[in-house]
Each structure stands twice: as structure tokens, then as C-alpha cells.
Amino acid sequence: MRQETESRKERIKGAEVRVTLGVDTHADVHVGVALDQLGGFLGSHAIPTTPAGYAELLAWATHFGTLERVGVEGTSSYGAGLARWLRARGLTVLEVERPGRQMRRRRGKSDPVDAEAAARAVLAGVATGRPKTGDGPVEMVRTLQVARRSAMRARTQAANQVHALVVTAPAALREQLRPLSLARRVATAAAFRGAGHPVTPTAAAKLALRSVARRYRQLSAEIEALDAHLARLVGQVAPQLVAVKGVGTDTAATLLAAAGDNPERLRSEAAFAHLCGVAPIPASSGKTVRHRLDRGGNRDANRALHLLAVRRLAWDPRTRAYATRRTAEGKTKPEILRCLKRYLARELFPLLASTPTTVPTMTLTAA
């Protein structure tokens, strides 16, 4: 090992050292490992996840030589802040996937080991994807959509709780509320008078129903306000996309979030199809030539394309004719839907690639 290191040093001696940095990211600490252009280990360094820590990591890496590329794990989570900070300073940041199980069984698991694996993936050309910038209007759409989905889940949970409380309520209260629709049931329960100290099961059930019903109404108001903000923002960011028949605000927001503020990082519509998990994966062997379903990719975007394909089958004559022709060829409905999702990715990608990169002027008012 020593002879190999000395030989490597001799080969680099007199030449400029080009540094590749790999970073394993966590909530409070990032660990970086620096390699030279021949893959030689230069050192490892841990920093806090603060701007001062990012500057410390950059200074540490550049003291070895010229920093060429940085491979960062988790650029959409713990590594988002570091990736944005490095890009703002003109550095090339590449997204690195976490090591697979086979590599971890062979090499073990630690922060320096993962950081070194990230650096070697960049150096070997395995990691070539650019992360989302996360600093434009599409990031605004994504964050609002996260809040909306959370509120939707909470409202569904509240509706289920109202139903469960009615099912187990005392007979008189149950008979009063059971015939009502959800909207009328919530309105009735929200109007119950609150007892300071319930002393009967009926009083306790009314207090519980009142609490959950008011929570449901509050969440409904929150969702309505978020829908208004999203509709205005998505309409400003991607007017051509929402103009496509069948593409609503939620579908457009999901596809925009998948592509990011820098859709040019996707080399082609085929790359976008792979990102959405709608590109067929070759699964041929010997005389058998076939493709299989891609179960990876962005599942939210995959779901949005699936719902759009189902809607197209309901109203578009061309889509119906295509489905009829493929059915005659022996294709099943799931296979036809997979083909339609691939065509939709090809159709919609140019509209995503033309979205503006500047934040539109708008005001988010409190609901």
C-alpha cells in the first residue's frame, strides 16, 4: 500500500492536484472525504451544518489543490443547504445515491466510508446527475403542495374520526347524526355546546365530536387557501402546462416538483420518463425479448401521469383508438396504461422544460 501511494504521488508530482470531494450528509454534521485525480485518499473532515461549516469544508478541500467536483448524498434533504451554498459559489455539485447493500456488506458502514464512496462515484463517472436547485418558483410550488397534502391527510383522518365517534355514540346521538351527510354531520357537531366538565357519555361524545368537527372545518379552510395560492402560482409558472386539457393544478404541481427549477438537468424526455418511472426497463435474456415495469422513479409523478392517462381514455378519441388497437394486439389494460404514461411524459416534458426560472411576483396572504 505504501509503495502504491508513493507511486501515485510521483505521478502527480509537479502537476496540479485536482480534488474531488464526497460528502455524507446528516442533520447536524456533514463528513467530507477528498480524493486526488488518481483516486488517492487525501483526508476526511467533519463540519457542522451551518454556513460557517460549509465555508470550513470548502477551505479544507481547496488547500489540497483545485476543487473540481463535489458529490453530495441527500441533495433533496439533509444535503440541500450545502448543495445550494456550493452552487452559489460556482462549484459543480453532483447528486450521489447512497451505497447499495452489496457495497455496504463488503466495505462496512460509517460516515467517512460513505463520503469516500460518494467521491469515488463522482470520480468514476457513475454519479452524473445534477441536483435540483431548489431556489425558484417550482420550489415554492413544492413547499405549498407539501403543506396541502399534509392538511388533506389530516382532514381525512378527522372525517374518519367523526364517523367512528358517531358509530360508538349513545343511541340518541347516533340516531341524530347517522342519517346526515358528512358536511351536515360536521356542521351539526361543530355547533354543539361545549360542556366544561362532561358528566355523562352523551356529553363527552358531543364534546369530542365538536372538537373533531371544528378541526375538520379548520383544515378545510386551510386547504382552500392553499389551493388558491397553488392555482395562482402554478398558472404563473407553467401556463402552457395547465392549458393542456386534463392537467389540473395538482397534476401540474406534481410534475413541476419532479422536474425542479432547473429542468435542463434532464437531458431529454427519456430522462424525464425514467425520473417518473414510466420508461420500460429491458428484461431480455436469451431468446426472450421483453420489457418490465419500472418500479422506481418519482412515484408522485408516476401517479399524476397515471391519472392523466385514465382521464384521457375517458374523453380523447385518439387515446381510445390507440387502446382499442393495442387491445387487439393482445395488450392488457395495465400494459396499455404504461404505454400511455410514456407517451404523456414525451408530450409534457417540453412544457416543463420551458418553465420560467425567476420567482413570479405574488403575495401570499394569511388565510
Protein backbone atom coordinates (compact mmCIF):
# COMPACT_ATOMS: atom_id res chain seq x y z
CA MET A 1 0.00 0.00 0.00
CA ARG A 2 2.85 2.39 0.86
CA GLN A 3 4.59 1.68 -2.46
CA GLU A 4 1.32 2.26 -4.32
CA THR A 5 0.82 5.59 -2.50
CA GLU A 6 4.35 6.70 -3.24
CA SER A 7 3.95 5.73 -6.90
CA ARG A 8 0.76 7.77 -7.11
CA LYS A 9 2.45 10.75 -5.52
CA GLU A 10 5.27 10.51 -8.05
CA ARG A 11 2.78 10.53 -10.92
CA ILE A 12 1.06 13.65 -9.59
CA LYS A 13 4.30 15.33 -8.54
CA GLY A 14 4.82 18.54 -10.46
CA ALA A 15 1.24 18.54 -11.72
CA GLU A 16 -1.72 20.41 -10.32
CA VAL A 17 -3.73 18.36 -7.83
CA ARG A 18 -7.41 18.19 -8.88
CA VAL A 19 -9.62 17.42 -5.93
CA THR A 20 -12.91 15.51 -5.91
CA LEU A 21 -14.93 15.88 -2.74
CA GLY A 22 -17.55 13.45 -1.48
CA VAL A 23 -19.93 14.39 1.33
CA ASP A 24 -22.08 12.17 3.54
CA THR A 25 -24.84 14.38 4.94
CA HIS A 26 -26.74 14.29 8.23
CA ALA A 27 -28.95 16.63 10.21
CA ASP A 28 -26.22 18.18 12.37
CA VAL A 29 -22.90 17.03 10.88
CA HIS A 30 -21.58 16.53 7.35
CA VAL A 31 -18.50 14.39 6.69
CA GLY A 32 -16.34 15.06 3.63
CA VAL A 33 -13.60 12.98 2.01
CA ALA A 34 -11.21 14.41 -0.57
CA LEU A 35 -9.56 12.38 -3.37
CA ASP A 36 -6.98 13.42 -5.95
CA GLN A 37 -7.40 12.92 -9.70
CA LEU A 38 -5.94 9.41 -9.46
CA GLY A 39 -8.23 8.33 -6.66
CA GLY A 40 -5.71 8.83 -3.90
CA PHE A 41 -7.14 9.46 -0.43
CA LEU A 42 -6.27 12.97 0.74
CA GLY A 43 -8.20 13.16 4.01
CA SER A 44 -11.57 13.36 5.72
CA HIS A 45 -13.17 16.21 7.63
CA ALA A 46 -16.39 16.69 9.65
CA ILE A 47 -18.23 20.01 9.81
CA PRO A 48 -21.39 21.39 11.40
CA THR A 49 -24.35 22.01 9.09
CA THR A 50 -24.05 25.80 9.11
CA PRO A 51 -22.78 28.34 6.57
CA ALA A 52 -19.60 28.63 8.65
CA GLY A 53 -19.22 24.86 8.47
CA TYR A 54 -19.72 24.88 4.69
CA ALA A 55 -17.00 27.52 4.35
CA GLU A 56 -14.72 25.44 6.57
CA LEU A 57 -15.26 22.37 4.36
CA LEU A 58 -14.54 24.36 1.19
CA ALA A 59 -11.34 25.83 2.66
CA TRP A 60 -10.20 22.41 3.84
CA ALA A 61 -10.79 20.81 0.42
CA THR A 62 -9.14 23.60 -1.58
CA HIS A 63 -5.95 23.52 0.47
CA PHE A 64 -5.16 20.18 -1.26
CA GLY A 65 -5.50 21.68 -4.73
CA THR A 66 -8.19 22.77 -7.21
CA LEU A 67 -11.64 21.56 -6.22
CA GLU A 68 -13.27 20.25 -9.40
CA ARG A 69 -16.47 18.47 -8.38
CA VAL A 70 -18.45 17.72 -5.24
CA GLY A 71 -20.60 14.62 -4.83
CA VAL A 72 -23.30 15.08 -2.18
CA GLU A 73 -25.68 12.49 -0.76
CA GLY A 74 -29.23 13.60 0.03
CA THR A 75 -29.33 16.80 -2.03
CA SER A 76 -33.11 16.94 -1.54
CA SER A 77 -32.96 16.52 2.23
CA TYR A 78 -30.03 16.96 4.63
CA GLY A 79 -27.67 17.97 1.84
CA ALA A 80 -29.93 20.63 0.29
CA GLY A 81 -28.38 23.53 2.18
CA LEU A 82 -24.80 22.50 1.37
CA ALA A 83 -25.63 21.90 -2.30
CA ARG A 84 -27.22 25.36 -2.66
CA TRP A 85 -24.28 27.00 -0.85
CA LEU A 86 -21.72 25.32 -3.10
CA ARG A 87 -23.62 26.08 -6.33
CA ALA A 88 -23.89 29.73 -5.33
CA ARG A 89 -20.08 29.79 -5.38
CA GLY A 90 -19.81 28.34 -8.87
CA LEU A 91 -18.87 24.79 -7.90
CA THR A 92 -20.07 21.71 -9.76
CA VAL A 93 -22.35 19.68 -7.46
CA LEU A 94 -23.46 16.17 -8.41
CA GLU A 95 -26.12 14.05 -6.76
CA VAL A 96 -24.88 10.74 -5.35
CA GLU A 97 -27.08 7.81 -4.41
CA ARG A 98 -26.48 6.04 -1.12
CA PRO A 99 -24.29 2.90 -1.42
CA GLY A 100 -26.12 -0.34 -2.15
CA ARG A 101 -26.35 -3.22 0.28
CA GLN A 102 -23.74 -5.24 -1.56
CA MET A 103 -21.15 -2.48 -1.22
CA ARG A 104 -22.01 -1.93 2.44
CA ARG A 105 -21.60 -5.63 3.19
CA ARG A 106 -18.21 -5.56 1.51
CA ARG A 107 -16.85 -2.27 2.86
CA GLY A 108 -18.85 -1.66 6.02
CA LYS A 109 -20.81 1.41 7.06
CA SER A 110 -19.50 4.67 8.52
CA ASP A 111 -19.73 8.33 7.60
CA PRO A 112 -16.16 8.54 6.18
CA VAL A 113 -16.71 5.31 4.22
CA ASP A 114 -19.94 6.67 2.70
CA ALA A 115 -18.29 10.01 1.92
CA GLU A 116 -15.40 8.25 0.20
CA ALA A 117 -17.85 6.13 -1.80
CA ALA A 118 -19.58 9.34 -2.92
CA ALA A 119 -16.27 10.85 -4.05
CA ARG A 120 -15.30 7.69 -5.93
CA ALA A 121 -18.70 7.56 -7.64
CA VAL A 122 -18.10 11.08 -8.97
CA LEU A 123 -14.50 10.33 -9.94
CA ALA A 124 -15.54 7.16 -11.81
CA GLY A 125 -18.31 8.95 -13.68
CA VAL A 126 -21.05 6.87 -12.04
CA ALA A 127 -22.67 9.91 -10.42
CA THR A 128 -23.50 12.40 -13.17
CA GLY A 129 -26.90 13.78 -12.17
CA ARG A 130 -27.26 17.40 -11.18
CA PRO A 131 -29.50 18.08 -8.18
CA LYS A 132 -32.46 20.41 -8.17
CA THR A 133 -31.56 23.99 -7.40
CA GLY A 134 -34.49 24.45 -5.02
CA ASP A 135 -34.32 28.24 -5.21
CA GLY A 136 -37.03 29.25 -7.68
CA PRO A 137 -40.79 29.26 -8.23
CA VAL A 138 -41.03 25.48 -8.56
CA GLU A 139 -39.62 25.12 -5.05
CA MET A 140 -42.40 27.45 -3.90
CA VAL A 141 -44.93 25.14 -5.57
CA ARG A 142 -43.38 22.08 -3.93
CA THR A 143 -43.44 23.51 -0.41
CA LEU A 144 -47.07 24.63 -0.72
CA GLN A 145 -48.01 21.22 -2.09
CA VAL A 146 -46.33 19.52 0.88
CA ALA A 147 -48.45 21.63 3.24
CA ARG A 148 -51.62 20.88 1.25
CA ARG A 149 -51.06 17.12 1.24
CA SER A 150 -50.42 17.15 4.96
CA ALA A 151 -53.67 19.05 5.54
CA MET A 152 -55.54 16.65 3.24
CA ARG A 153 -54.33 13.64 5.21
CA ALA A 154 -55.23 15.29 8.50
CA ARG A 155 -58.72 16.19 7.21
CA THR A 156 -59.31 12.61 6.05
CA GLN A 157 -58.26 11.39 9.46
CA ALA A 158 -60.65 13.86 11.11
CA ALA A 159 -63.52 12.69 8.86
CA ASN A 160 -62.83 9.08 9.80
CA GLN A 161 -62.79 10.02 13.47
CA VAL A 162 -66.15 11.77 13.16
CA HIS A 163 -67.60 8.63 11.61
CA ALA A 164 -66.08 6.40 14.33
CA LEU A 165 -67.42 8.63 17.11
CA VAL A 166 -70.91 8.57 15.60
CA VAL A 167 -70.83 4.76 15.34
CA THR A 168 -69.98 4.37 19.05
CA ALA A 169 -72.08 7.30 20.36
CA PRO A 170 -75.05 6.80 22.68
CA ALA A 171 -78.21 5.75 20.84
CA ALA A 172 -79.99 9.12 20.77
CA LEU A 173 -76.94 10.99 19.49
CA ARG A 174 -76.13 8.26 16.99
CA GLU A 175 -79.63 8.31 15.54
CA GLN A 176 -79.46 12.10 15.26
CA LEU A 177 -76.21 12.14 13.28
CA ARG A 178 -76.17 8.86 11.37
CA PRO A 179 -78.63 9.85 8.58
CA LEU A 180 -76.70 13.06 7.81
CA SER A 181 -74.08 13.54 5.09
CA LEU A 182 -70.51 14.28 6.14
CA ALA A 183 -70.90 18.02 5.53
CA ARG A 184 -74.14 18.28 7.54
CA ARG A 185 -72.77 15.97 10.23
CA VAL A 186 -69.70 18.19 10.65
CA ALA A 187 -71.83 21.36 10.72
CA THR A 188 -74.16 19.87 13.34
CA ALA A 189 -71.35 18.56 15.53
CA ALA A 190 -69.41 21.83 15.30
CA ALA A 191 -72.45 23.66 16.68
CA PHE A 192 -72.74 21.52 19.80
CA ARG A 193 -72.36 23.48 23.01
CA GLY A 194 -69.22 22.63 24.89
CA ALA A 195 -69.58 21.38 28.44
CA GLY A 196 -66.95 22.48 30.91
CA HIS A 197 -66.90 19.14 32.73
CA PRO A 198 -68.86 16.41 30.92
CA VAL A 199 -70.55 14.09 33.40
CA THR A 200 -72.36 11.72 31.01
CA PRO A 201 -71.24 9.64 28.00
CA THR A 202 -73.50 11.74 25.77
CA ALA A 203 -71.90 14.99 26.93
CA ALA A 204 -68.42 13.54 26.43
CA ALA A 205 -69.33 12.29 22.94
CA LYS A 206 -70.72 15.70 21.99
CA LEU A 207 -67.57 17.42 23.24
CA ALA A 208 -65.37 15.03 21.25
CA LEU A 209 -67.47 15.42 18.09
CA ARG A 210 -67.44 19.20 18.45
CA SER A 211 -63.63 19.21 18.75
CA VAL A 212 -63.03 16.93 15.74
CA ALA A 213 -65.69 18.66 13.59
CA ARG A 214 -64.16 22.08 14.20
CA ARG A 215 -60.75 20.66 13.37
CA TYR A 216 -62.20 19.33 10.09
CA ARG A 217 -63.62 22.75 9.21
CA GLN A 218 -60.35 24.49 10.05
CA LEU A 219 -58.41 22.06 7.85
CA SER A 220 -60.92 22.58 5.02
CA ALA A 221 -60.34 26.34 5.19
CA GLU A 222 -56.58 25.78 5.19
CA ILE A 223 -56.80 23.52 2.13
CA GLU A 224 -58.99 26.04 0.31
CA ALA A 225 -56.46 28.81 0.95
CA LEU A 226 -53.54 26.63 -0.18
CA ASP A 227 -55.46 25.63 -3.32
CA ALA A 228 -55.92 29.28 -4.20
CA HIS A 229 -52.21 30.03 -3.73
CA LEU A 230 -51.19 26.95 -5.74
CA ALA A 231 -53.60 27.70 -8.58
CA ARG A 232 -52.25 31.24 -8.94
CA LEU A 233 -48.60 30.23 -8.63
CA VAL A 234 -48.79 27.22 -10.98
CA GLY A 235 -50.69 29.35 -13.50
CA GLN A 236 -47.87 31.91 -13.46
CA VAL A 237 -45.05 29.34 -13.54
CA ALA A 238 -46.40 26.96 -16.20
CA PRO A 239 -49.34 28.48 -18.10
CA GLN A 240 -48.78 26.19 -21.12
CA LEU A 241 -48.85 23.11 -18.92
CA VAL A 242 -52.12 23.91 -17.16
CA ALA A 243 -53.63 24.82 -20.53
CA VAL A 244 -53.41 21.15 -21.57
CA LYS A 245 -56.83 19.55 -21.21
CA GLY A 246 -56.96 17.25 -18.21
CA VAL A 247 -53.92 18.76 -16.47
CA GLY A 248 -55.18 20.38 -13.29
CA THR A 249 -53.32 22.33 -10.66
CA ASP A 250 -52.36 19.27 -8.60
CA THR A 251 -51.09 17.30 -11.61
CA ALA A 252 -49.10 20.28 -12.90
CA ALA A 253 -47.64 20.99 -9.45
CA THR A 254 -46.56 17.35 -9.05
CA LEU A 255 -44.82 17.23 -12.44
CA LEU A 256 -43.17 20.62 -11.85
CA ALA A 257 -41.84 19.45 -8.49
CA ALA A 258 -40.41 16.32 -10.11
CA ALA A 259 -38.57 18.33 -12.79
CA GLY A 260 -37.41 21.07 -10.41
CA ASP A 261 -36.44 24.67 -11.02
CA ASN A 262 -33.70 23.53 -13.41
CA PRO A 263 -35.38 21.04 -15.78
CA GLU A 264 -32.41 21.42 -18.13
CA ARG A 265 -30.60 18.98 -15.81
CA LEU A 266 -32.76 16.32 -17.52
CA ARG A 267 -31.00 15.57 -20.79
CA SER A 268 -34.12 14.53 -22.72
CA GLU A 269 -37.72 13.47 -22.43
CA ALA A 270 -36.43 9.91 -22.00
CA ALA A 271 -34.59 11.02 -18.88
CA PHE A 272 -37.79 12.62 -17.60
CA ALA A 273 -39.66 9.36 -18.29
CA HIS A 274 -37.08 7.46 -16.24
CA LEU A 275 -37.41 10.04 -13.47
CA CYS A 276 -41.18 9.43 -13.39
CA GLY A 277 -40.79 5.66 -13.52
CA VAL A 278 -42.69 5.28 -16.79
CA ALA A 279 -39.84 4.18 -19.08
CA PRO A 280 -39.87 0.43 -19.84
CA ILE A 281 -36.87 -1.44 -18.44
CA PRO A 282 -35.24 -4.09 -20.68
CA ALA A 283 -35.62 -7.56 -19.14
CA SER A 284 -34.49 -9.77 -22.01
CA SER A 285 -32.47 -12.94 -21.76
CA GLY A 286 -31.51 -15.42 -24.48
CA LYS A 287 -34.36 -15.84 -26.92
CA THR A 288 -36.78 -13.97 -24.67
CA VAL A 289 -37.11 -10.29 -25.56
CA ARG A 290 -39.30 -8.31 -23.19
CA HIS A 291 -39.53 -5.20 -21.01
CA ARG A 292 -40.70 -4.86 -17.45
CA LEU A 293 -42.36 -2.18 -15.37
CA ASP A 294 -40.09 0.38 -13.74
CA ARG A 295 -40.97 0.38 -10.04
CA GLY A 296 -38.51 3.17 -9.25
CA GLY A 297 -38.58 6.85 -10.02
CA ASN A 298 -40.73 9.58 -8.55
CA ARG A 299 -43.92 7.81 -7.52
CA ASP A 300 -45.92 11.03 -7.14
CA ALA A 301 -45.13 11.96 -10.74
CA ASN A 302 -45.91 8.41 -11.82
CA ARG A 303 -49.32 8.65 -10.13
CA ALA A 304 -50.02 12.02 -11.79
CA LEU A 305 -49.28 10.58 -15.25
CA HIS A 306 -51.38 7.50 -14.46
CA LEU A 307 -54.42 9.58 -13.50
CA LEU A 308 -53.96 11.72 -16.61
CA ALA A 309 -53.82 8.59 -18.79
CA VAL A 310 -57.02 7.26 -17.22
CA ARG A 311 -58.74 10.58 -17.88
CA ARG A 312 -57.55 10.61 -21.48
CA LEU A 313 -59.14 7.20 -22.02
CA ALA A 314 -62.46 8.68 -20.93
CA TRP A 315 -62.66 11.59 -23.39
CA ASP A 316 -59.89 11.56 -26.03
CA PRO A 317 -60.84 9.74 -29.29
CA ARG A 318 -57.19 9.24 -30.28
CA THR A 319 -56.37 7.64 -26.93
CA ARG A 320 -59.41 5.37 -27.18
CA ALA A 321 -58.43 4.33 -30.70
CA TYR A 322 -54.90 3.58 -29.52
CA ALA A 323 -56.24 1.47 -26.63
CA THR A 324 -58.53 -0.43 -29.00
CA ARG A 325 -55.66 -1.16 -31.38
CA ARG A 326 -53.31 -2.33 -28.64
CA THR A 327 -56.05 -4.47 -27.09
CA ALA A 328 -56.47 -6.21 -30.45
CA GLU A 329 -52.72 -6.88 -30.39
CA GLY A 330 -53.11 -8.72 -27.09
CA LYS A 331 -52.04 -5.99 -24.66
CA THR A 332 -53.71 -5.85 -21.27
CA LYS A 333 -55.15 -2.65 -19.82
CA PRO A 334 -52.24 -2.16 -17.35
CA GLU A 335 -49.79 -2.55 -20.24
CA ILE A 336 -51.72 -0.03 -22.33
CA LEU A 337 -51.73 2.45 -19.43
CA ARG A 338 -47.97 2.05 -19.07
CA CYS A 339 -47.55 2.87 -22.76
CA LEU A 340 -49.84 5.88 -22.45
CA LYS A 341 -47.87 7.21 -19.48
CA ARG A 342 -44.70 7.01 -21.56
CA TYR A 343 -46.35 8.99 -24.37
CA LEU A 344 -47.62 11.57 -21.88
CA ALA A 345 -44.11 12.05 -20.49
CA ARG A 346 -42.90 12.75 -24.04
CA GLU A 347 -45.76 15.21 -24.65
CA LEU A 348 -45.47 17.17 -21.41
CA PHE A 349 -41.69 17.36 -20.98
CA PRO A 350 -41.21 20.27 -23.46
CA LEU A 351 -43.80 22.25 -21.49
CA LEU A 352 -41.91 21.58 -18.24
CA ALA A 353 -38.58 22.48 -19.82
CA SER A 354 -39.94 25.93 -20.79
CA THR A 355 -40.97 26.99 -17.27
CA PRO A 356 -39.53 30.31 -16.02
CA THR A 357 -36.64 30.22 -13.56
CA THR A 358 -37.44 33.51 -11.84
CA VAL A 359 -39.84 33.80 -8.97
CA PRO A 360 -43.10 35.48 -10.11
CA THR A 361 -44.33 38.48 -8.19
CA MET A 362 -47.10 37.44 -5.87
CA THR A 363 -48.26 37.91 -2.31
CA LEU A 364 -49.22 35.06 -0.03
CA THR A 365 -51.80 36.38 2.38
CA ALA A 366 -52.77 34.62 5.55
CA ALA A 367 -56.00 32.68 5.36
